[in-house]
Amino acid sequence: MKMIFFLKFNYTLSIVKKGGVIMTIGEKLKQLRGDKKTKDVAKDLNVTVSALSNYENDYRVPRDEVKKKIADYYKKSVEEIFF
């Protein structure tokens, strides 16, 4: 399978495959949050709004224990969201 790699301005990697783009972690988190407010999700996860915003904008990747909290919150596996 031929893949083309693009480096976004904030240094996150998006992989483009035939038929579409694989979402970044931040894009997945934004999609999972849907219409919920960032501050409400951050409060439920016991993280700062700034931290959650950094995760959603691909500036930072959460620590493993926070990844688990996020996965549990959205009823997904860590692998589904972060890998």
PDB file of N, CA and C in Angstrom:
ATOM      1  N   MET A   1       0.840  -1.173   0.000  1.00  0.00           N
ATOM      2  CA  MET A   1       0.000   0.000   0.000  1.00  0.00           C
ATOM      3  C   MET A   1       0.888   1.240   0.000  1.00  0.00           C
ATOM      4  N   LYS A   2       0.648   2.077  -0.936  1.00  0.00           N
ATOM      5  CA  LYS A   2       1.420   3.313  -1.029  1.00  0.00           C
ATOM      6  C   LYS A   2       0.804   4.361  -0.113  1.00  0.00           C
ATOM      7  N   MET A   3       1.629   4.980   0.748  1.00  0.00           N
ATOM      8  CA  MET A   3       1.152   6.016   1.659  1.00  0.00           C
ATOM      9  C   MET A   3       1.964   7.285   1.462  1.00  0.00           C
ATOM     10  N   ILE A   4       1.305   8.394   1.633  1.00  0.00           N
ATOM     11  CA  ILE A   4       1.959   9.693   1.554  1.00  0.00           C
ATOM     12  C   ILE A   4       1.829  10.340   2.923  1.00  0.00           C
ATOM     13  N   PHE A   5       2.914  10.876   3.451  1.00  0.00           N
ATOM     14  CA  PHE A   5       2.905  11.488   4.774  1.00  0.00           C
ATOM     15  C   PHE A   5       2.961  13.005   4.654  1.00  0.00           C
ATOM     16  N   PHE A   6       2.151  13.671   5.435  1.00  0.00           N
ATOM     17  CA  PHE A   6       2.152  15.137   5.499  1.00  0.00           C
ATOM     18  C   PHE A   6       2.407  15.553   6.939  1.00  0.00           C
ATOM     19  N   LEU A   7       3.235  16.532   7.120  1.00  0.00           N
ATOM     20  CA  LEU A   7       3.487  17.079   8.448  1.00  0.00           C
ATOM     21  C   LEU A   7       2.710  18.375   8.575  1.00  0.00           C
ATOM     22  N   LYS A   8       1.776  18.403   9.522  1.00  0.00           N
ATOM     23  CA  LYS A   8       0.982  19.607   9.727  1.00  0.00           C
ATOM     24  C   LYS A   8       1.816  20.666  10.427  1.00  0.00           C
ATOM     25  N   PHE A   9       1.328  21.898  10.435  1.00  0.00           N
ATOM     26  CA  PHE A   9       2.091  23.010  11.005  1.00  0.00           C
ATOM     27  C   PHE A   9       2.434  22.795  12.470  1.00  0.00           C
ATOM     28  N   ASN A  10       1.634  22.009  13.184  1.00  0.00           N
ATOM     29  CA  ASN A  10       1.917  21.794  14.602  1.00  0.00           C
ATOM     30  C   ASN A  10       2.640  20.463  14.837  1.00  0.00           C
ATOM     31  N   TYR A  11       3.245  19.922  13.810  1.00  0.00           N
ATOM     32  CA  TYR A  11       4.101  18.752  13.883  1.00  0.00           C
ATOM     33  C   TYR A  11       3.381  17.443  14.184  1.00  0.00           C
ATOM     34  N   THR A  12       2.086  17.361  13.929  1.00  0.00           N
ATOM     35  CA  THR A  12       1.405  16.083  14.055  1.00  0.00           C
ATOM     36  C   THR A  12       1.365  15.439  12.690  1.00  0.00           C
ATOM     37  N   LEU A  13       1.343  14.143  12.675  1.00  0.00           N
ATOM     38  CA  LEU A  13       1.415  13.394  11.431  1.00  0.00           C
ATOM     39  C   LEU A  13       0.031  12.934  11.018  1.00  0.00           C
ATOM     40  N   SER A  14      -0.342  13.234   9.815  1.00  0.00           N
ATOM     41  CA  SER A  14      -1.554  12.695   9.217  1.00  0.00           C
ATOM     42  C   SER A  14      -1.118  11.772   8.093  1.00  0.00           C
ATOM     43  N   ILE A  15      -1.722  10.621   8.030  1.00  0.00           N
ATOM     44  CA  ILE A  15      -1.386   9.659   6.985  1.00  0.00           C
ATOM     45  C   ILE A  15      -2.513   9.676   5.970  1.00  0.00           C
ATOM     46  N   VAL A  16      -2.167   9.896   4.722  1.00  0.00           N
ATOM     47  CA  VAL A  16      -3.165   9.922   3.669  1.00  0.00           C
ATOM     48  C   VAL A  16      -3.078   8.605   2.918  1.00  0.00           C
ATOM     49  N   LYS A  17      -4.201   7.897   2.883  1.00  0.00           N
ATOM     50  CA  LYS A  17      -4.270   6.661   2.134  1.00  0.00           C
ATOM     51  C   LYS A  17      -5.287   6.840   1.014  1.00  0.00           C
ATOM     52  N   LYS A  18      -5.241   5.958   0.059  1.00  0.00           N
ATOM     53  CA  LYS A  18      -6.221   5.994  -1.014  1.00  0.00           C
ATOM     54  C   LYS A  18      -7.620   5.921  -0.408  1.00  0.00           C
ATOM     55  N   GLY A  19      -8.454   6.872  -0.741  1.00  0.00           N
ATOM     56  CA  GLY A  19      -9.812   6.871  -0.237  1.00  0.00           C
ATOM     57  C   GLY A  19     -10.050   7.786   0.947  1.00  0.00           C
ATOM     58  N   GLY A  20      -9.029   8.435   1.487  1.00  0.00           N
ATOM     59  CA  GLY A  20      -9.292   9.365   2.576  1.00  0.00           C
ATOM     60  C   GLY A  20      -8.142   9.547   3.528  1.00  0.00           C
ATOM     61  N   VAL A  21      -8.387  10.370   4.545  1.00  0.00           N
ATOM     62  CA  VAL A  21      -7.384  10.717   5.537  1.00  0.00           C
ATOM     63  C   VAL A  21      -7.703  10.006   6.840  1.00  0.00           C
ATOM     64  N   ILE A  22      -6.704   9.454   7.466  1.00  0.00           N
ATOM     65  CA  ILE A  22      -6.862   8.914   8.812  1.00  0.00           C
ATOM     66  C   ILE A  22      -6.812  10.100   9.764  1.00  0.00           C
ATOM     67  N   MET A  23      -7.767  10.158  10.673  1.00  0.00           N
ATOM     68  CA  MET A  23      -7.868  11.299  11.572  1.00  0.00           C
ATOM     69  C   MET A  23      -6.732  11.317  12.590  1.00  0.00           C
ATOM     70  N   THR A  24      -6.310  12.521  12.975  1.00  0.00           N
ATOM     71  CA  THR A  24      -5.344  12.665  14.056  1.00  0.00           C
ATOM     72  C   THR A  24      -6.055  12.372  15.375  1.00  0.00           C
ATOM     73  N   ILE A  25      -5.292  12.203  16.429  1.00  0.00           N
ATOM     74  CA  ILE A  25      -5.870  11.980  17.757  1.00  0.00           C
ATOM     75  C   ILE A  25      -6.777  13.157  18.123  1.00  0.00           C
ATOM     76  N   GLY A  26      -6.304  14.351  17.895  1.00  0.00           N
ATOM     77  CA  GLY A  26      -7.096  15.535  18.213  1.00  0.00           C
ATOM     78  C   GLY A  26      -8.413  15.578  17.464  1.00  0.00           C
ATOM     79  N   GLU A  27      -8.377  15.227  16.194  1.00  0.00           N
ATOM     80  CA  GLU A  27      -9.605  15.203  15.403  1.00  0.00           C
ATOM     81  C   GLU A  27     -10.580  14.163  15.944  1.00  0.00           C
ATOM     82  N   LYS A  28     -10.051  13.014  16.353  1.00  0.00           N
ATOM     83  CA  LYS A  28     -10.902  11.975  16.950  1.00  0.00           C
ATOM     84  C   LYS A  28     -11.540  12.481  18.234  1.00  0.00           C
ATOM     85  N   LEU A  29     -10.746  13.155  19.068  1.00  0.00           N
ATOM     86  CA  LEU A  29     -11.272  13.664  20.335  1.00  0.00           C
ATOM     87  C   LEU A  29     -12.347  14.713  20.108  1.00  0.00           C
ATOM     88  N   LYS A  30     -12.140  15.594  19.145  1.00  0.00           N
ATOM     89  CA  LYS A  30     -13.155  16.609  18.834  1.00  0.00           C
ATOM     90  C   LYS A  30     -14.441  15.963  18.347  1.00  0.00           C
ATOM     91  N   GLN A  31     -14.299  14.964  17.500  1.00  0.00           N
ATOM     92  CA  GLN A  31     -15.475  14.275  16.984  1.00  0.00           C
ATOM     93  C   GLN A  31     -16.227  13.561  18.108  1.00  0.00           C
ATOM     94  N   LEU A  32     -15.491  12.917  19.005  1.00  0.00           N
ATOM     95  CA  LEU A  32     -16.128  12.233  20.122  1.00  0.00           C
ATOM     96  C   LEU A  32     -16.843  13.213  21.048  1.00  0.00           C
ATOM     97  N   ARG A  33     -16.268  14.378  21.256  1.00  0.00           N
ATOM     98  CA  ARG A  33     -16.880  15.385  22.135  1.00  0.00           C
ATOM     99  C   ARG A  33     -18.184  15.900  21.555  1.00  0.00           C
ATOM    100  N   GLY A  34     -18.260  15.981  20.238  1.00  0.00           N
ATOM    101  CA  GLY A  34     -19.494  16.424  19.580  1.00  0.00           C
ATOM    102  C   GLY A  34     -19.910  17.802  20.023  1.00  0.00           C
ATOM    103  N   ASP A  35     -21.161  17.936  20.489  1.00  0.00           N
ATOM    104  CA  ASP A  35     -21.711  19.235  20.877  1.00  0.00           C
ATOM    105  C   ASP A  35     -21.463  19.596  22.338  1.00  0.00           C
ATOM    106  N   LYS A  36     -20.823  18.699  23.069  1.00  0.00           N
ATOM    107  CA  LYS A  36     -20.538  18.989  24.485  1.00  0.00           C
ATOM    108  C   LYS A  36     -19.516  20.115  24.574  1.00  0.00           C
ATOM    109  N   LYS A  37     -19.620  20.914  25.605  1.00  0.00           N
ATOM    110  CA  LYS A  37     -18.667  22.003  25.814  1.00  0.00           C
ATOM    111  C   LYS A  37     -17.345  21.447  26.330  1.00  0.00           C
ATOM    112  N   THR A  38     -16.263  22.052  25.879  1.00  0.00           N
ATOM    113  CA  THR A  38     -14.930  21.638  26.305  1.00  0.00           C
ATOM    114  C   THR A  38     -14.804  21.678  27.821  1.00  0.00           C
ATOM    115  N   LYS A  39     -15.325  22.736  28.439  1.00  0.00           N
ATOM    116  CA  LYS A  39     -15.185  22.868  29.891  1.00  0.00           C
ATOM    117  C   LYS A  39     -15.929  21.762  30.634  1.00  0.00           C
ATOM    118  N   ASP A  40     -17.064  21.304  30.090  1.00  0.00           N
ATOM    119  CA  ASP A  40     -17.818  20.234  30.747  1.00  0.00           C
ATOM    120  C   ASP A  40     -17.085  18.899  30.661  1.00  0.00           C
ATOM    121  N   VAL A  41     -16.527  18.604  29.491  1.00  0.00           N
ATOM    122  CA  VAL A  41     -15.779  17.359  29.323  1.00  0.00           C
ATOM    123  C   VAL A  41     -14.516  17.398  30.174  1.00  0.00           C
ATOM    124  N   ALA A  42     -13.822  18.528  30.174  1.00  0.00           N
ATOM    125  CA  ALA A  42     -12.607  18.666  30.990  1.00  0.00           C
ATOM    126  C   ALA A  42     -12.926  18.432  32.464  1.00  0.00           C
ATOM    127  N   LYS A  43     -14.018  19.005  32.935  1.00  0.00           N
ATOM    128  CA  LYS A  43     -14.424  18.827  34.335  1.00  0.00           C
ATOM    129  C   LYS A  43     -14.718  17.353  34.619  1.00  0.00           C
ATOM    130  N   ASP A  44     -15.460  16.693  33.725  1.00  0.00           N
ATOM    131  CA  ASP A  44     -15.783  15.276  33.905  1.00  0.00           C
ATOM    132  C   ASP A  44     -14.530  14.396  33.925  1.00  0.00           C
ATOM    133  N   LEU A  45     -13.518  14.786  33.150  1.00  0.00           N
ATOM    134  CA  LEU A  45     -12.270  14.012  33.080  1.00  0.00           C
ATOM    135  C   LEU A  45     -11.269  14.410  34.157  1.00  0.00           C
ATOM    136  N   ASN A  46     -11.582  15.488  34.879  1.00  0.00           N
ATOM    137  CA  ASN A  46     -10.680  16.013  35.899  1.00  0.00           C
ATOM    138  C   ASN A  46      -9.340  16.458  35.306  1.00  0.00           C
ATOM    139  N   VAL A  47      -9.437  17.148  34.163  1.00  0.00           N
ATOM    140  CA  VAL A  47      -8.267  17.770  33.530  1.00  0.00           C
ATOM    141  C   VAL A  47      -8.618  19.235  33.298  1.00  0.00           C
ATOM    142  N   THR A  48      -7.632  20.049  33.062  1.00  0.00           N
ATOM    143  CA  THR A  48      -7.902  21.459  32.787  1.00  0.00           C
ATOM    144  C   THR A  48      -8.459  21.621  31.370  1.00  0.00           C
ATOM    145  N   VAL A  49      -9.174  22.712  31.172  1.00  0.00           N
ATOM    146  CA  VAL A  49      -9.681  23.026  29.835  1.00  0.00           C
ATOM    147  C   VAL A  49      -8.506  23.188  28.879  1.00  0.00           C
ATOM    148  N   SER A  50      -7.439  23.793  29.377  1.00  0.00           N
ATOM    149  CA  SER A  50      -6.240  23.991  28.567  1.00  0.00           C
ATOM    150  C   SER A  50      -5.640  22.655  28.121  1.00  0.00           C
ATOM    151  N   ALA A  51      -5.574  21.696  29.034  1.00  0.00           N
ATOM    152  CA  ALA A  51      -5.018  20.381  28.686  1.00  0.00           C
ATOM    153  C   ALA A  51      -5.873  19.712  27.618  1.00  0.00           C
ATOM    154  N   LEU A  52      -7.195  19.706  27.827  1.00  0.00           N
ATOM    155  CA  LEU A  52      -8.079  19.069  26.848  1.00  0.00           C
ATOM    156  C   LEU A  52      -7.973  19.765  25.495  1.00  0.00           C
ATOM    157  N   SER A  53      -7.899  21.078  25.513  1.00  0.00           N
ATOM    158  CA  SER A  53      -7.740  21.830  24.272  1.00  0.00           C
ATOM    159  C   SER A  53      -6.434  21.455  23.574  1.00  0.00           C
ATOM    160  N   ASN A  54      -5.371  21.306  24.341  1.00  0.00           N
ATOM    161  CA  ASN A  54      -4.084  20.897  23.761  1.00  0.00           C
ATOM    162  C   ASN A  54      -4.165  19.512  23.136  1.00  0.00           C
ATOM    163  N   TYR A  55      -4.890  18.592  23.773  1.00  0.00           N
ATOM    164  CA  TYR A  55      -5.068  17.245  23.207  1.00  0.00           C
ATOM    165  C   TYR A  55      -5.859  17.327  21.903  1.00  0.00           C
ATOM    166  N   GLU A  56      -6.934  18.112  21.914  1.00  0.00           N
ATOM    167  CA  GLU A  56      -7.804  18.214  20.745  1.00  0.00           C
ATOM    168  C   GLU A  56      -7.162  18.951  19.576  1.00  0.00           C
ATOM    169  N   ASN A  57      -6.173  19.772  19.861  1.00  0.00           N
ATOM    170  CA  ASN A  57      -5.484  20.507  18.800  1.00  0.00           C
ATOM    171  C   ASN A  57      -4.137  19.889  18.444  1.00  0.00           C
ATOM    172  N   ASP A  58      -3.898  18.686  18.954  1.00  0.00           N
ATOM    173  CA  ASP A  58      -2.679  17.921  18.640  1.00  0.00           C
ATOM    174  C   ASP A  58      -1.396  18.609  19.073  1.00  0.00           C
ATOM    175  N   TYR A  59      -1.483  19.425  20.137  1.00  0.00           N
ATOM    176  CA  TYR A  59      -0.281  20.038  20.677  1.00  0.00           C
ATOM    177  C   TYR A  59       0.376  19.132  21.704  1.00  0.00           C
ATOM    178  N   ARG A  60      -0.431  18.318  22.364  1.00  0.00           N
ATOM    179  CA  ARG A  60       0.080  17.388  23.377  1.00  0.00           C
ATOM    180  C   ARG A  60      -0.673  16.075  23.265  1.00  0.00           C
ATOM    181  N   VAL A  61      -0.021  15.006  23.726  1.00  0.00           N
ATOM    182  CA  VAL A  61      -0.671  13.697  23.837  1.00  0.00           C
ATOM    183  C   VAL A  61      -0.815  13.410  25.321  1.00  0.00           C
ATOM    184  N   PRO A  62      -2.004  12.980  25.744  1.00  0.00           N
ATOM    185  CA  PRO A  62      -2.197  12.745  27.177  1.00  0.00           C
ATOM    186  C   PRO A  62      -1.352  11.599  27.712  1.00  0.00           C
ATOM    187  N   ARG A  63      -1.082  11.656  29.014  1.00  0.00           N
ATOM    188  CA  ARG A  63      -0.390  10.548  29.683  1.00  0.00           C
ATOM    189  C   ARG A  63      -1.290   9.320  29.631  1.00  0.00           C
ATOM    190  N   ASP A  64      -0.707   8.155  29.866  1.00  0.00           N
ATOM    191  CA  ASP A  64      -1.449   6.902  29.760  1.00  0.00           C
ATOM    192  C   ASP A  64      -2.672   6.860  30.666  1.00  0.00           C
ATOM    193  N   GLU A  65      -2.551   7.365  31.901  1.00  0.00           N
ATOM    194  CA  GLU A  65      -3.705   7.320  32.810  1.00  0.00           C
ATOM    195  C   GLU A  65      -4.829   8.241  32.327  1.00  0.00           C
ATOM    196  N   VAL A  66      -4.478   9.335  31.664  1.00  0.00           N
ATOM    197  CA  VAL A  66      -5.495  10.231  31.120  1.00  0.00           C
ATOM    198  C   VAL A  66      -6.120   9.610  29.866  1.00  0.00           C
ATOM    199  N   LYS A  67      -5.314   8.926  29.080  1.00  0.00           N
ATOM    200  CA  LYS A  67      -5.852   8.204  27.922  1.00  0.00           C
ATOM    201  C   LYS A  67      -6.936   7.225  28.361  1.00  0.00           C
ATOM    202  N   LYS A  68      -6.696   6.528  29.445  1.00  0.00           N
ATOM    203  CA  LYS A  68      -7.660   5.561  29.969  1.00  0.00           C
ATOM    204  C   LYS A  68      -8.946   6.259  30.406  1.00  0.00           C
ATOM    205  N   LYS A  69      -8.811   7.388  31.105  1.00  0.00           N
ATOM    206  CA  LYS A  69      -9.987   8.164  31.528  1.00  0.00           C
ATOM    207  C   LYS A  69     -10.813   8.597  30.317  1.00  0.00           C
ATOM    208  N   ILE A  70     -10.123   9.085  29.292  1.00  0.00           N
ATOM    209  CA  ILE A  70     -10.806   9.559  28.085  1.00  0.00           C
ATOM    210  C   ILE A  70     -11.532   8.408  27.401  1.00  0.00           C
ATOM    211  N   ALA A  71     -10.851   7.284  27.256  1.00  0.00           N
ATOM    212  CA  ALA A  71     -11.462   6.115  26.611  1.00  0.00           C
ATOM    213  C   ALA A  71     -12.686   5.644  27.386  1.00  0.00           C
ATOM    214  N   ASP A  72     -12.584   5.574  28.698  1.00  0.00           N
ATOM    215  CA  ASP A  72     -13.722   5.164  29.528  1.00  0.00           C
ATOM    216  C   ASP A  72     -14.878   6.157  29.395  1.00  0.00           C
ATOM    217  N   TYR A  73     -14.561   7.426  29.390  1.00  0.00           N
ATOM    218  CA  TYR A  73     -15.576   8.475  29.285  1.00  0.00           C
ATOM    219  C   TYR A  73     -16.390   8.332  27.991  1.00  0.00           C
ATOM    220  N   TYR A  74     -15.698   8.057  26.894  1.00  0.00           N
ATOM    221  CA  TYR A  74     -16.372   7.938  25.606  1.00  0.00           C
ATOM    222  C   TYR A  74     -16.793   6.501  25.279  1.00  0.00           C
ATOM    223  N   LYS A  75     -16.557   5.579  26.216  1.00  0.00           N
ATOM    224  CA  LYS A  75     -16.916   4.167  26.039  1.00  0.00           C
ATOM    225  C   LYS A  75     -16.259   3.578  24.785  1.00  0.00           C
ATOM    226  N   LYS A  76     -14.986   3.892  24.647  1.00  0.00           N
ATOM    227  CA  LYS A  76     -14.149   3.379  23.555  1.00  0.00           C
ATOM    228  C   LYS A  76     -12.915   2.752  24.174  1.00  0.00           C
ATOM    229  N   SER A  77     -12.179   1.995  23.377  1.00  0.00           N
ATOM    230  CA  SER A  77     -10.906   1.467  23.864  1.00  0.00           C
ATOM    231  C   SER A  77      -9.816   2.515  23.630  1.00  0.00           C
ATOM    232  N   VAL A  78      -8.759   2.415  24.407  1.00  0.00           N
ATOM    233  CA  VAL A  78      -7.616   3.324  24.220  1.00  0.00           C
ATOM    234  C   VAL A  78      -7.098   3.186  22.780  1.00  0.00           C
ATOM    235  N   GLU A  79      -7.068   1.965  22.286  1.00  0.00           N
ATOM    236  CA  GLU A  79      -6.558   1.719  20.929  1.00  0.00           C
ATOM    237  C   GLU A  79      -7.394   2.421  19.870  1.00  0.00           C
ATOM    238  N   GLU A  80      -8.713   2.415  20.040  1.00  0.00           N
ATOM    239  CA  GLU A  80      -9.590   3.053  19.056  1.00  0.00           C
ATOM    240  C   GLU A  80      -9.306   4.546  18.929  1.00  0.00           C
ATOM    241  N   ILE A  81      -8.977   5.167  20.018  1.00  0.00           N
ATOM    242  CA  ILE A  81      -8.778   6.616  20.021  1.00  0.00           C
ATOM    243  C   ILE A  81      -7.328   6.999  19.723  1.00  0.00           C
ATOM    244  N   PHE A  82      -6.392   6.296  20.343  1.00  0.00           N
ATOM    245  CA  PHE A  82      -5.006   6.774  20.339  1.00  0.00           C
ATOM    246  C   PHE A  82      -4.060   6.003  19.419  1.00  0.00           C
ATOM    247  N   PHE A  83      -4.546   4.976  18.733  1.00  0.00           N
ATOM    248  CA  PHE A  83      -3.657   4.225  17.849  1.00  0.00           C
ATOM    249  C   PHE A  83      -4.312   3.962  16.512  1.00  0.00           C
TER     250      PHE A  83
END
